[in-house]
């Protein structure tokens, strides 16, 4: 009997699913809300046994709640780098791209490749991730406002508004950085891992906080190169035979969460 797998194509407001079991494929779509997740559970219970292997692409915040929900009700969950799914789609000569087609493609990928099971980050890491991502958002807003201020002359009222907003953002960013430091220091595991990261030449607390938030647990990596690979910072060589010699660049193939 073919093991049951569930391919999930995540979007901001909805998610499409494709359930492969006993050589059959059934599809549905639900709202990306707690209500939609419970409707998915009811839909699954009417079609198969108690356990399945669910697979989705890493899509930042859109899929985190669903992955955690499925994990907590006892299903195996895999959260996969979208580059792997895209490569699999090319290998299958996939021509169409819709939510339903993508969900079925992800299900077939899961059945064939059996990606490793995902473990959700601890509550303190989830909180750290939220703080770090909010900091990045504020920094992006500050840069956009600074660009506007530097773009040229503005009426005095606009000039003052931009300056006031930049001052407010600077204060918020400073406070958020202090919250991040306090959060790390209040959790022994995070504090210990942060100290290890800071001990690396060229790594400070800001970089350490980002790595702890996005890589979850650095102790699962064998060495610094493995951490760099997960972050997409390892070099990618491109050569073939004696004629093709392209410049070595960063791979940028790693975690996308």
C-alpha atoms as a PDB file:
ATOM      1  CA  UNK A   1       0.000   0.000   0.000  1.00  0.00           C
ATOM      2  CA  UNK A   2       1.325   3.444  -0.968  1.00  0.00           C
ATOM      3  CA  UNK A   3       1.905   5.632   2.093  1.00  0.00           C
ATOM      4  CA  UNK A   4      -0.420   8.635   2.315  1.00  0.00           C
ATOM      5  CA  UNK A   5       1.234  11.954   1.536  1.00  0.00           C
ATOM      6  CA  UNK A   6      -0.240  15.425   1.495  1.00  0.00           C
ATOM      7  CA  UNK A   7       1.174  18.098  -0.798  1.00  0.00           C
ATOM      8  CA  UNK A   8       0.359  21.638   0.304  1.00  0.00           C
ATOM      9  CA  UNK A   9       0.653  24.783  -1.798  1.00  0.00           C
ATOM     10  CA  UNK A  10       0.588  27.770   0.545  1.00  0.00           C
ATOM     11  CA  UNK A  11      -0.595  31.292  -0.241  1.00  0.00           C
ATOM     12  CA  UNK A  12      -1.312  34.236   2.021  1.00  0.00           C
ATOM     13  CA  UNK A  13      -5.073  33.708   2.255  1.00  0.00           C
ATOM     14  CA  UNK A  14      -5.581  30.099   1.122  1.00  0.00           C
ATOM     15  CA  UNK A  15      -3.826  26.780   0.723  1.00  0.00           C
ATOM     16  CA  UNK A  16      -4.439  23.979  -1.756  1.00  0.00           C
ATOM     17  CA  UNK A  17      -3.846  20.331  -0.868  1.00  0.00           C
ATOM     18  CA  UNK A  18      -3.373  17.127  -2.825  1.00  0.00           C
ATOM     19  CA  UNK A  19      -3.743  13.832  -0.941  1.00  0.00           C
ATOM     20  CA  UNK A  20      -2.037  10.826  -2.536  1.00  0.00           C
ATOM     21  CA  UNK A  21      -3.175   7.504  -1.060  1.00  0.00           C
ATOM     22  CA  UNK A  22      -3.791   4.037  -2.489  1.00  0.00           C
ATOM     23  CA  UNK A  23      -2.815   5.288  -5.977  1.00  0.00           C
ATOM     24  CA  UNK A  24      -5.520   7.950  -5.848  1.00  0.00           C
ATOM     25  CA  UNK A  25      -5.244  11.726  -5.673  1.00  0.00           C
ATOM     26  CA  UNK A  26      -7.871  13.910  -4.039  1.00  0.00           C
ATOM     27  CA  UNK A  27      -7.649  17.677  -3.954  1.00  0.00           C
ATOM     28  CA  UNK A  28      -9.222  20.524  -2.028  1.00  0.00           C
ATOM     29  CA  UNK A  29      -8.584  24.110  -0.956  1.00  0.00           C
ATOM     30  CA  UNK A  30      -9.060  25.856   2.373  1.00  0.00           C
ATOM     31  CA  UNK A  31      -8.676  29.294   3.881  1.00  0.00           C
ATOM     32  CA  UNK A  32      -5.312  29.889   5.541  1.00  0.00           C
ATOM     33  CA  UNK A  33      -6.936  30.470   8.929  1.00  0.00           C
ATOM     34  CA  UNK A  34      -7.452  28.372  12.087  1.00  0.00           C
ATOM     35  CA  UNK A  35     -10.953  27.547  10.815  1.00  0.00           C
ATOM     36  CA  UNK A  36      -9.552  26.384   7.473  1.00  0.00           C
ATOM     37  CA  UNK A  37      -6.981  24.187   9.225  1.00  0.00           C
ATOM     38  CA  UNK A  38      -9.670  22.444  11.247  1.00  0.00           C
ATOM     39  CA  UNK A  39     -11.723  21.942   8.077  1.00  0.00           C
ATOM     40  CA  UNK A  40      -8.658  20.305   6.525  1.00  0.00           C
ATOM     41  CA  UNK A  41      -8.450  17.946   9.494  1.00  0.00           C
ATOM     42  CA  UNK A  42     -12.115  16.978   9.063  1.00  0.00           C
ATOM     43  CA  UNK A  43     -11.552  16.470   5.323  1.00  0.00           C
ATOM     44  CA  UNK A  44      -8.563  14.203   5.995  1.00  0.00           C
ATOM     45  CA  UNK A  45     -10.361  12.075   8.579  1.00  0.00           C
ATOM     46  CA  UNK A  46     -12.993  11.169   5.998  1.00  0.00           C
ATOM     47  CA  UNK A  47     -10.397   9.875   3.533  1.00  0.00           C
ATOM     48  CA  UNK A  48      -7.565   8.056   5.265  1.00  0.00           C
ATOM     49  CA  UNK A  49      -6.094   6.769   8.490  1.00  0.00           C
ATOM     50  CA  UNK A  50      -4.720   8.719  11.399  1.00  0.00           C
ATOM     51  CA  UNK A  51      -1.243   9.542  10.109  1.00  0.00           C
ATOM     52  CA  UNK A  52       0.264  11.010   6.936  1.00  0.00           C
ATOM     53  CA  UNK A  53       3.360  12.782   5.660  1.00  0.00           C
ATOM     54  CA  UNK A  54       2.586  16.406   4.799  1.00  0.00           C
ATOM     55  CA  UNK A  55       4.965  18.463   2.691  1.00  0.00           C
ATOM     56  CA  UNK A  56       5.057  22.173   1.902  1.00  0.00           C
ATOM     57  CA  UNK A  57       7.502  24.762   0.647  1.00  0.00           C
ATOM     58  CA  UNK A  58       9.207  27.116   3.069  1.00  0.00           C
ATOM     59  CA  UNK A  59       7.269  30.335   2.497  1.00  0.00           C
ATOM     60  CA  UNK A  60       8.199  32.500   5.469  1.00  0.00           C
ATOM     61  CA  UNK A  61       5.273  33.294   7.721  1.00  0.00           C
ATOM     62  CA  UNK A  62       2.467  32.046   5.437  1.00  0.00           C
ATOM     63  CA  UNK A  63       2.904  28.347   6.200  1.00  0.00           C
ATOM     64  CA  UNK A  64       4.285  28.346   9.734  1.00  0.00           C
ATOM     65  CA  UNK A  65       0.932  28.119  11.514  1.00  0.00           C
ATOM     66  CA  UNK A  66      -0.274  25.235   9.310  1.00  0.00           C
ATOM     67  CA  UNK A  67       2.995  23.311   9.712  1.00  0.00           C
ATOM     68  CA  UNK A  68       2.775  23.669  13.482  1.00  0.00           C
ATOM     69  CA  UNK A  69      -0.908  22.687  13.483  1.00  0.00           C
ATOM     70  CA  UNK A  70      -0.297  19.476  11.511  1.00  0.00           C
ATOM     71  CA  UNK A  71       2.719  18.617  13.667  1.00  0.00           C
ATOM     72  CA  UNK A  72       0.743  19.087  16.875  1.00  0.00           C
ATOM     73  CA  UNK A  73      -2.068  16.762  15.743  1.00  0.00           C
ATOM     74  CA  UNK A  74       0.484  14.003  15.079  1.00  0.00           C
ATOM     75  CA  UNK A  75       1.342  14.160  11.376  1.00  0.00           C
ATOM     76  CA  UNK A  76       4.852  14.094   9.946  1.00  0.00           C
ATOM     77  CA  UNK A  77       5.622  17.454   8.343  1.00  0.00           C
ATOM     78  CA  UNK A  78       8.385  18.432   5.923  1.00  0.00           C
ATOM     79  CA  UNK A  79       9.137  22.069   5.104  1.00  0.00           C
ATOM     80  CA  UNK A  80      11.216  22.109   1.933  1.00  0.00           C
ATOM     81  CA  UNK A  81      13.349  24.706   0.190  1.00  0.00           C
ATOM     82  CA  UNK A  82      11.322  25.916  -2.853  1.00  0.00           C
ATOM     83  CA  UNK A  83      14.412  25.462  -5.035  1.00  0.00           C
ATOM     84  CA  UNK A  84      14.106  21.694  -4.570  1.00  0.00           C
ATOM     85  CA  UNK A  85      10.462  21.729  -5.657  1.00  0.00           C
ATOM     86  CA  UNK A  86      11.279  23.928  -8.651  1.00  0.00           C
ATOM     87  CA  UNK A  87      14.055  21.539  -9.699  1.00  0.00           C
ATOM     88  CA  UNK A  88      11.700  18.566  -9.327  1.00  0.00           C
ATOM     89  CA  UNK A  89       9.067  20.347 -11.437  1.00  0.00           C
ATOM     90  CA  UNK A  90      11.609  20.837 -14.226  1.00  0.00           C
ATOM     91  CA  UNK A  91      12.609  17.189 -14.035  1.00  0.00           C
ATOM     92  CA  UNK A  92       8.953  16.240 -14.486  1.00  0.00           C
ATOM     93  CA  UNK A  93       8.549  18.648 -17.425  1.00  0.00           C
ATOM     94  CA  UNK A  94       5.693  20.374 -15.599  1.00  0.00           C
ATOM     95  CA  UNK A  95       4.010  22.783 -18.008  1.00  0.00           C
ATOM     96  CA  UNK A  96       1.137  24.214 -15.979  1.00  0.00           C
ATOM     97  CA  UNK A  97       1.268  26.151 -12.741  1.00  0.00           C
ATOM     98  CA  UNK A  98      -1.841  26.494 -10.597  1.00  0.00           C
ATOM     99  CA  UNK A  99      -2.363  26.013  -6.875  1.00  0.00           C
ATOM    100  CA  UNK A 100      -3.864  22.572  -7.436  1.00  0.00           C
ATOM    101  CA  UNK A 101      -1.141  21.485  -9.843  1.00  0.00           C
ATOM    102  CA  UNK A 102       1.551  22.724  -7.476  1.00  0.00           C
ATOM    103  CA  UNK A 103       0.014  20.872  -4.528  1.00  0.00           C
ATOM    104  CA  UNK A 104      -0.016  17.626  -6.524  1.00  0.00           C
ATOM    105  CA  UNK A 105       3.575  18.217  -7.625  1.00  0.00           C
ATOM    106  CA  UNK A 106       4.663  18.730  -4.003  1.00  0.00           C
ATOM    107  CA  UNK A 107       2.845  15.527  -3.006  1.00  0.00           C
ATOM    108  CA  UNK A 108       4.644  13.528  -5.715  1.00  0.00           C
ATOM    109  CA  UNK A 109       7.950  15.073  -4.641  1.00  0.00           C
ATOM    110  CA  UNK A 110       7.270  14.026  -1.052  1.00  0.00           C
ATOM    111  CA  UNK A 111       6.404  10.481  -2.092  1.00  0.00           C
ATOM    112  CA  UNK A 112       9.552  10.100  -4.189  1.00  0.00           C
ATOM    113  CA  UNK A 113      12.140  12.014  -2.159  1.00  0.00           C
ATOM    114  CA  UNK A 114      10.876  11.377   1.394  1.00  0.00           C
ATOM    115  CA  UNK A 115      12.222  14.701   2.723  1.00  0.00           C
ATOM    116  CA  UNK A 116      13.314  14.813   6.340  1.00  0.00           C
ATOM    117  CA  UNK A 117      10.778  15.563   9.026  1.00  0.00           C
ATOM    118  CA  UNK A 118      10.472  19.110  10.303  1.00  0.00           C
ATOM    119  CA  UNK A 119      10.587  19.912  13.987  1.00  0.00           C
ATOM    120  CA  UNK A 120       9.019  23.199  15.077  1.00  0.00           C
ATOM    121  CA  UNK A 121      11.222  25.728  16.818  1.00  0.00           C
ATOM    122  CA  UNK A 122      10.759  26.182  20.541  1.00  0.00           C
ATOM    123  CA  UNK A 123       8.483  28.996  21.751  1.00  0.00           C
ATOM    124  CA  UNK A 124      11.492  31.130  22.692  1.00  0.00           C
ATOM    125  CA  UNK A 125      12.957  30.735  19.194  1.00  0.00           C
ATOM    126  CA  UNK A 126       9.602  31.576  17.596  1.00  0.00           C
ATOM    127  CA  UNK A 127       9.465  34.730  19.717  1.00  0.00           C
ATOM    128  CA  UNK A 128      13.052  35.599  18.768  1.00  0.00           C
ATOM    129  CA  UNK A 129      12.246  35.083  15.092  1.00  0.00           C
ATOM    130  CA  UNK A 130       9.269  37.433  15.352  1.00  0.00           C
ATOM    131  CA  UNK A 131      11.419  40.087  17.034  1.00  0.00           C
ATOM    132  CA  UNK A 132      14.244  39.759  14.501  1.00  0.00           C
ATOM    133  CA  UNK A 133      11.893  39.897  11.516  1.00  0.00           C
ATOM    134  CA  UNK A 134      10.100  42.929  12.971  1.00  0.00           C
ATOM    135  CA  UNK A 135      13.488  44.601  13.368  1.00  0.00           C
ATOM    136  CA  UNK A 136      14.255  43.917   9.705  1.00  0.00           C
ATOM    137  CA  UNK A 137      10.900  45.450   8.712  1.00  0.00           C
ATOM    138  CA  UNK A 138      11.573  48.598  10.731  1.00  0.00           C
ATOM    139  CA  UNK A 139      15.051  48.914   9.249  1.00  0.00           C
ATOM    140  CA  UNK A 140      13.625  48.624   5.738  1.00  0.00           C
ATOM    141  CA  UNK A 141      11.061  51.335   6.495  1.00  0.00           C
ATOM    142  CA  UNK A 142      13.785  53.568   7.935  1.00  0.00           C
ATOM    143  CA  UNK A 143      15.912  53.130   4.814  1.00  0.00           C
ATOM    144  CA  UNK A 144      12.948  53.975   2.574  1.00  0.00           C
ATOM    145  CA  UNK A 145      12.238  57.135   4.573  1.00  0.00           C
ATOM    146  CA  UNK A 146      15.922  58.112   4.531  1.00  0.00           C
ATOM    147  CA  UNK A 147      15.937  57.711   0.749  1.00  0.00           C
ATOM    148  CA  UNK A 148      12.926  59.994   0.458  1.00  0.00           C
ATOM    149  CA  UNK A 149      14.593  62.578   2.652  1.00  0.00           C
ATOM    150  CA  UNK A 150      17.736  62.507   0.518  1.00  0.00           C
ATOM    151  CA  UNK A 151      15.900  62.467  -2.810  1.00  0.00           C
ATOM    152  CA  UNK A 152      15.663  66.251  -3.031  1.00  0.00           C
ATOM    153  CA  UNK A 153      14.146  69.373  -1.594  1.00  0.00           C
ATOM    154  CA  UNK A 154      10.811  69.049   0.182  1.00  0.00           C
ATOM    155  CA  UNK A 155       8.340  71.546   1.575  1.00  0.00           C
ATOM    156  CA  UNK A 156       9.162  72.321   5.184  1.00  0.00           C
ATOM    157  CA  UNK A 157       6.167  70.384   6.477  1.00  0.00           C
ATOM    158  CA  UNK A 158       7.192  67.243   4.571  1.00  0.00           C
ATOM    159  CA  UNK A 159      10.821  67.662   5.613  1.00  0.00           C
ATOM    160  CA  UNK A 160       9.842  67.869   9.264  1.00  0.00           C
ATOM    161  CA  UNK A 161       7.514  64.877   9.012  1.00  0.00           C
ATOM    162  CA  UNK A 162      10.249  62.742   7.480  1.00  0.00           C
ATOM    163  CA  UNK A 163      12.771  63.802  10.103  1.00  0.00           C
ATOM    164  CA  UNK A 164      10.314  63.112  12.934  1.00  0.00           C
ATOM    165  CA  UNK A 165       9.468  59.711  11.491  1.00  0.00           C
ATOM    166  CA  UNK A 166      13.143  58.813  11.158  1.00  0.00           C
ATOM    167  CA  UNK A 167      13.775  59.830  14.758  1.00  0.00           C
ATOM    168  CA  UNK A 168      10.817  57.718  15.891  1.00  0.00           C
ATOM    169  CA  UNK A 169      12.003  54.722  13.882  1.00  0.00           C
ATOM    170  CA  UNK A 170      15.524  55.046  15.295  1.00  0.00           C
ATOM    171  CA  UNK A 171      14.094  54.970  18.809  1.00  0.00           C
ATOM    172  CA  UNK A 172      11.909  51.952  18.015  1.00  0.00           C
ATOM    173  CA  UNK A 173      14.827  50.091  16.444  1.00  0.00           C
ATOM    174  CA  UNK A 174      17.029  50.789  19.461  1.00  0.00           C
ATOM    175  CA  UNK A 175      14.331  49.548  21.846  1.00  0.00           C
ATOM    176  CA  UNK A 176      13.739  46.437  19.745  1.00  0.00           C
ATOM    177  CA  UNK A 177      17.445  45.608  19.726  1.00  0.00           C
ATOM    178  CA  UNK A 178      17.459  45.847  23.500  1.00  0.00           C
ATOM    179  CA  UNK A 179      14.431  43.524  23.657  1.00  0.00           C
ATOM    180  CA  UNK A 180      16.218  41.007  21.426  1.00  0.00           C
ATOM    181  CA  UNK A 181      19.330  41.076  23.621  1.00  0.00           C
ATOM    182  CA  UNK A 182      17.232  40.706  26.784  1.00  0.00           C
ATOM    183  CA  UNK A 183      15.258  37.841  25.244  1.00  0.00           C
ATOM    184  CA  UNK A 184      18.420  35.940  24.329  1.00  0.00           C
ATOM    185  CA  UNK A 185      19.985  36.523  27.744  1.00  0.00           C
ATOM    186  CA  UNK A 186      16.837  35.296  29.520  1.00  0.00           C
ATOM    187  CA  UNK A 187      16.989  31.835  27.890  1.00  0.00           C
ATOM    188  CA  UNK A 188      20.089  29.761  28.774  1.00  0.00           C
ATOM    189  CA  UNK A 189      20.215  27.777  25.503  1.00  0.00           C
ATOM    190  CA  UNK A 190      19.921  30.897  23.354  1.00  0.00           C
ATOM    191  CA  UNK A 191      22.473  32.702  25.502  1.00  0.00           C
ATOM    192  CA  UNK A 192      24.944  29.818  25.202  1.00  0.00           C
ATOM    193  CA  UNK A 193      24.553  29.538  21.432  1.00  0.00           C
ATOM    194  CA  UNK A 194      24.810  33.300  21.050  1.00  0.00           C
ATOM    195  CA  UNK A 195      28.115  33.264  22.937  1.00  0.00           C
ATOM    196  CA  UNK A 196      29.428  30.581  20.583  1.00  0.00           C
ATOM    197  CA  UNK A 197      28.433  32.564  17.511  1.00  0.00           C
ATOM    198  CA  UNK A 198      29.878  35.810  18.819  1.00  0.00           C
ATOM    199  CA  UNK A 199      33.181  34.006  19.442  1.00  0.00           C
ATOM    200  CA  UNK A 200      33.505  33.542  15.661  1.00  0.00           C
ATOM    201  CA  UNK A 201      35.655  36.256  14.107  1.00  0.00           C
ATOM    202  CA  UNK A 202      33.525  38.867  12.365  1.00  0.00           C
ATOM    203  CA  UNK A 203      30.283  37.805  14.082  1.00  0.00           C
ATOM    204  CA  UNK A 204      28.520  40.167  16.494  1.00  0.00           C
ATOM    205  CA  UNK A 205      25.301  39.991  18.482  1.00  0.00           C
ATOM    206  CA  UNK A 206      23.166  41.304  15.612  1.00  0.00           C
ATOM    207  CA  UNK A 207      24.409  38.525  13.308  1.00  0.00           C
ATOM    208  CA  UNK A 208      24.122  35.966  16.102  1.00  0.00           C
ATOM    209  CA  UNK A 209      20.509  36.928  16.794  1.00  0.00           C
ATOM    210  CA  UNK A 210      19.631  36.577  13.105  1.00  0.00           C
ATOM    211  CA  UNK A 211      21.273  33.149  12.853  1.00  0.00           C
ATOM    212  CA  UNK A 212      19.630  31.916  16.051  1.00  0.00           C
ATOM    213  CA  UNK A 213      16.239  33.079  14.818  1.00  0.00           C
ATOM    214  CA  UNK A 214      16.456  31.583  11.332  1.00  0.00           C
ATOM    215  CA  UNK A 215      18.677  28.509  11.798  1.00  0.00           C
ATOM    216  CA  UNK A 216      16.885  27.496  15.020  1.00  0.00           C
ATOM    217  CA  UNK A 217      19.640  25.378  16.621  1.00  0.00           C
ATOM    218  CA  UNK A 218      23.262  25.691  15.531  1.00  0.00           C
ATOM    219  CA  UNK A 219      24.190  22.550  17.479  1.00  0.00           C
ATOM    220  CA  UNK A 220      22.660  20.383  14.722  1.00  0.00           C
ATOM    221  CA  UNK A 221      25.369  21.545  12.286  1.00  0.00           C
ATOM    222  CA  UNK A 222      28.661  19.684  12.190  1.00  0.00           C
ATOM    223  CA  UNK A 223      30.830  22.729  11.493  1.00  0.00           C
ATOM    224  CA  UNK A 224      30.858  26.369  10.411  1.00  0.00           C
ATOM    225  CA  UNK A 225      30.724  25.406   6.706  1.00  0.00           C
ATOM    226  CA  UNK A 226      27.447  23.572   7.294  1.00  0.00           C
ATOM    227  CA  UNK A 227      26.007  26.714   8.879  1.00  0.00           C
ATOM    228  CA  UNK A 228      27.202  28.771   5.910  1.00  0.00           C
ATOM    229  CA  UNK A 229      25.627  26.306   3.474  1.00  0.00           C
ATOM    230  CA  UNK A 230      22.295  26.533   5.281  1.00  0.00           C
ATOM    231  CA  UNK A 231      22.494  30.313   4.971  1.00  0.00           C
ATOM    232  CA  UNK A 232      23.372  30.089   1.254  1.00  0.00           C
ATOM    233  CA  UNK A 233      26.809  31.642   1.792  1.00  0.00           C
ATOM    234  CA  UNK A 234      29.012  28.882   0.387  1.00  0.00           C
ATOM    235  CA  UNK A 235      30.755  29.433  -2.988  1.00  0.00           C
ATOM    236  CA  UNK A 236      29.281  27.927  -6.143  1.00  0.00           C
ATOM    237  CA  UNK A 237      31.739  26.923  -8.824  1.00  0.00           C
ATOM    238  CA  UNK A 238      30.696  26.799 -12.484  1.00  0.00           C
ATOM    239  CA  UNK A 239      33.041  24.987 -14.844  1.00  0.00           C
ATOM    240  CA  UNK A 240      32.751  22.340 -17.512  1.00  0.00           C
ATOM    241  CA  UNK A 241      35.527  20.762 -19.559  1.00  0.00           C
ATOM    242  CA  UNK A 242      38.314  23.160 -20.529  1.00  0.00           C
ATOM    243  CA  UNK A 243      36.260  25.940 -22.119  1.00  0.00           C
ATOM    244  CA  UNK A 244      33.657  26.922 -19.511  1.00  0.00           C
ATOM    245  CA  UNK A 245      35.052  28.830 -16.541  1.00  0.00           C
ATOM    246  CA  UNK A 246      32.583  31.202 -14.947  1.00  0.00           C
ATOM    247  CA  UNK A 247      33.246  33.365 -11.931  1.00  0.00           C
ATOM    248  CA  UNK A 248      32.701  31.704  -8.555  1.00  0.00           C
ATOM    249  CA  UNK A 249      29.733  33.229  -6.722  1.00  0.00           C
ATOM    250  CA  UNK A 250      27.747  32.677  -3.554  1.00  0.00           C
ATOM    251  CA  UNK A 251      25.361  29.766  -3.992  1.00  0.00           C
ATOM    252  CA  UNK A 252      22.425  31.544  -2.283  1.00  0.00           C
ATOM    253  CA  UNK A 253      20.899  28.071  -1.916  1.00  0.00           C
ATOM    254  CA  UNK A 254      19.954  27.521   1.693  1.00  0.00           C
ATOM    255  CA  UNK A 255      17.206  28.169   4.181  1.00  0.00           C
ATOM    256  CA  UNK A 256      14.532  30.552   2.927  1.00  0.00           C
ATOM    257  CA  UNK A 257      12.404  30.746   6.048  1.00  0.00           C
END
